[in-house]
Amino acid sequence: MINKFIGIGRTGKEVEIQTLQSGNKVAKVSVAITEKYTKNGEKVEETQWLNLEAWGKLADIFEQYVKKGDLIFFSG
């Protein structure tokens, strides 16, 4: 069985960078995913927050390019 998630959302805060004792970096950021739909003739908007982590080279990319409010595409 394979589980895969693909999402698009906006970052809710600046990326938090941690450097481990091994020298590897970990980037952490929260992302808001908003779903809009109509139910019984009324517009509904639901927002879910996800916490993402990026390690190694990807953490370096997050640190350099991702800022609060950016729209990002991710999978995992």
C-alpha atoms as a PDB file:
ATOM      1  CA  MET A   1       0.000   0.000   0.000  1.00  0.00           C
ATOM      2  CA  ILE A   2       1.327   3.435  -0.924  1.00  0.00           C
ATOM      3  CA  ASN A   3       0.115   6.693   0.588  1.00  0.00           C
ATOM      4  CA  LYS A   4       0.989   9.958  -1.108  1.00  0.00           C
ATOM      5  CA  PHE A   5      -0.182  13.485  -0.406  1.00  0.00           C
ATOM      6  CA  ILE A   6       0.114  16.399  -2.821  1.00  0.00           C
ATOM      7  CA  GLY A   7      -0.805  19.890  -1.683  1.00  0.00           C
ATOM      8  CA  ILE A   8      -0.680  23.570  -2.487  1.00  0.00           C
ATOM      9  CA  GLY A   9      -0.834  26.132   0.294  1.00  0.00           C
ATOM     10  CA  ARG A  10       0.503  29.350   1.764  1.00  0.00           C
ATOM     11  CA  THR A  11       3.142  29.489   4.453  1.00  0.00           C
ATOM     12  CA  GLY A  12       1.860  30.913   7.728  1.00  0.00           C
ATOM     13  CA  LYS A  13       5.173  31.976   9.243  1.00  0.00           C
ATOM     14  CA  GLU A  14       8.829  32.376   8.414  1.00  0.00           C
ATOM     15  CA  VAL A  15      10.826  29.173   7.976  1.00  0.00           C
ATOM     16  CA  GLU A  16      12.445  27.962  11.189  1.00  0.00           C
ATOM     17  CA  ILE A  17      15.931  26.501  10.624  1.00  0.00           C
ATOM     18  CA  GLN A  18      17.613  24.101  13.044  1.00  0.00           C
ATOM     19  CA  THR A  19      21.161  22.850  12.650  1.00  0.00           C
ATOM     20  CA  LEU A  20      21.757  19.435  14.169  1.00  0.00           C
ATOM     21  CA  GLN A  21      24.989  18.355  15.876  1.00  0.00           C
ATOM     22  CA  SER A  22      25.805  16.376  12.738  1.00  0.00           C
ATOM     23  CA  GLY A  23      25.747  19.632  10.753  1.00  0.00           C
ATOM     24  CA  ASN A  24      22.569  18.727   8.855  1.00  0.00           C
ATOM     25  CA  LYS A  25      19.825  21.353   8.639  1.00  0.00           C
ATOM     26  CA  VAL A  26      16.098  20.949   9.233  1.00  0.00           C
ATOM     27  CA  ALA A  27      13.627  23.552   7.952  1.00  0.00           C
ATOM     28  CA  LYS A  28      10.189  23.729   9.586  1.00  0.00           C
ATOM     29  CA  VAL A  29       7.200  25.735   8.378  1.00  0.00           C
ATOM     30  CA  SER A  30       3.409  25.659   8.751  1.00  0.00           C
ATOM     31  CA  VAL A  31       1.261  25.707   5.610  1.00  0.00           C
ATOM     32  CA  ALA A  32      -2.431  26.629   5.288  1.00  0.00           C
ATOM     33  CA  ILE A  33      -4.496  24.650   2.785  1.00  0.00           C
ATOM     34  CA  THR A  34      -7.882  26.226   2.063  1.00  0.00           C
ATOM     35  CA  GLU A  35     -10.765  24.338   0.484  1.00  0.00           C
ATOM     36  CA  LYS A  36     -13.681  26.320  -0.950  1.00  0.00           C
ATOM     37  CA  TYR A  37     -16.960  24.718  -1.966  1.00  0.00           C
ATOM     38  CA  THR A  38     -20.717  25.270  -2.004  1.00  0.00           C
ATOM     39  CA  LYS A  39     -22.990  23.306   0.335  1.00  0.00           C
ATOM     40  CA  ASN A  40     -26.761  23.751   0.259  1.00  0.00           C
ATOM     41  CA  GLY A  41     -26.352  26.948  -1.749  1.00  0.00           C
ATOM     42  CA  GLU A  42     -23.944  28.516   0.736  1.00  0.00           C
ATOM     43  CA  LYS A  43     -20.264  29.111   0.124  1.00  0.00           C
ATOM     44  CA  VAL A  44     -18.058  27.277   2.621  1.00  0.00           C
ATOM     45  CA  GLU A  45     -14.346  27.865   3.221  1.00  0.00           C
ATOM     46  CA  GLU A  46     -12.316  25.476   5.391  1.00  0.00           C
ATOM     47  CA  THR A  47      -8.654  25.906   6.241  1.00  0.00           C
ATOM     48  CA  GLN A  48      -6.366  23.141   7.514  1.00  0.00           C
ATOM     49  CA  TRP A  49      -2.840  23.720   8.805  1.00  0.00           C
ATOM     50  CA  LEU A  50       0.000  21.305   8.112  1.00  0.00           C
ATOM     51  CA  ASN A  51       3.491  21.315   9.605  1.00  0.00           C
ATOM     52  CA  LEU A  52       6.180  20.571   7.037  1.00  0.00           C
ATOM     53  CA  GLU A  53       9.807  19.576   7.563  1.00  0.00           C
ATOM     54  CA  ALA A  54      12.549  19.652   4.955  1.00  0.00           C
ATOM     55  CA  TRP A  55      15.979  18.095   5.541  1.00  0.00           C
ATOM     56  CA  GLY A  56      19.452  18.543   4.049  1.00  0.00           C
ATOM     57  CA  LYS A  57      19.711  20.333   0.684  1.00  0.00           C
ATOM     58  CA  LEU A  58      15.958  20.905   0.603  1.00  0.00           C
ATOM     59  CA  ALA A  59      16.242  22.713   3.962  1.00  0.00           C
ATOM     60  CA  ASP A  60      18.858  25.005   2.385  1.00  0.00           C
ATOM     61  CA  ILE A  61      16.433  25.795  -0.451  1.00  0.00           C
ATOM     62  CA  PHE A  62      13.617  26.519   2.024  1.00  0.00           C
ATOM     63  CA  GLU A  63      15.927  28.796   4.022  1.00  0.00           C
ATOM     64  CA  GLN A  64      16.945  30.758   0.933  1.00  0.00           C
ATOM     65  CA  TYR A  65      13.678  31.052  -0.991  1.00  0.00           C
ATOM     66  CA  VAL A  66      10.577  30.401   1.169  1.00  0.00           C
ATOM     67  CA  LYS A  67       9.082  33.347   3.080  1.00  0.00           C
ATOM     68  CA  LYS A  68       5.876  33.952   5.046  1.00  0.00           C
ATOM     69  CA  GLY A  69       2.828  34.076   2.753  1.00  0.00           C
ATOM     70  CA  ASP A  70       4.501  32.256  -0.169  1.00  0.00           C
ATOM     71  CA  LEU A  71       2.438  29.797  -2.175  1.00  0.00           C
ATOM     72  CA  ILE A  72       4.185  26.411  -2.249  1.00  0.00           C
ATOM     73  CA  PHE A  73       3.519  23.062  -3.885  1.00  0.00           C
ATOM     74  CA  PHE A  74       4.596  19.986  -1.930  1.00  0.00           C
ATOM     75  CA  SER A  75       4.220  16.210  -1.800  1.00  0.00           C
ATOM     76  CA  GLY A  76       5.137  13.475   0.585  1.00  0.00           C
END
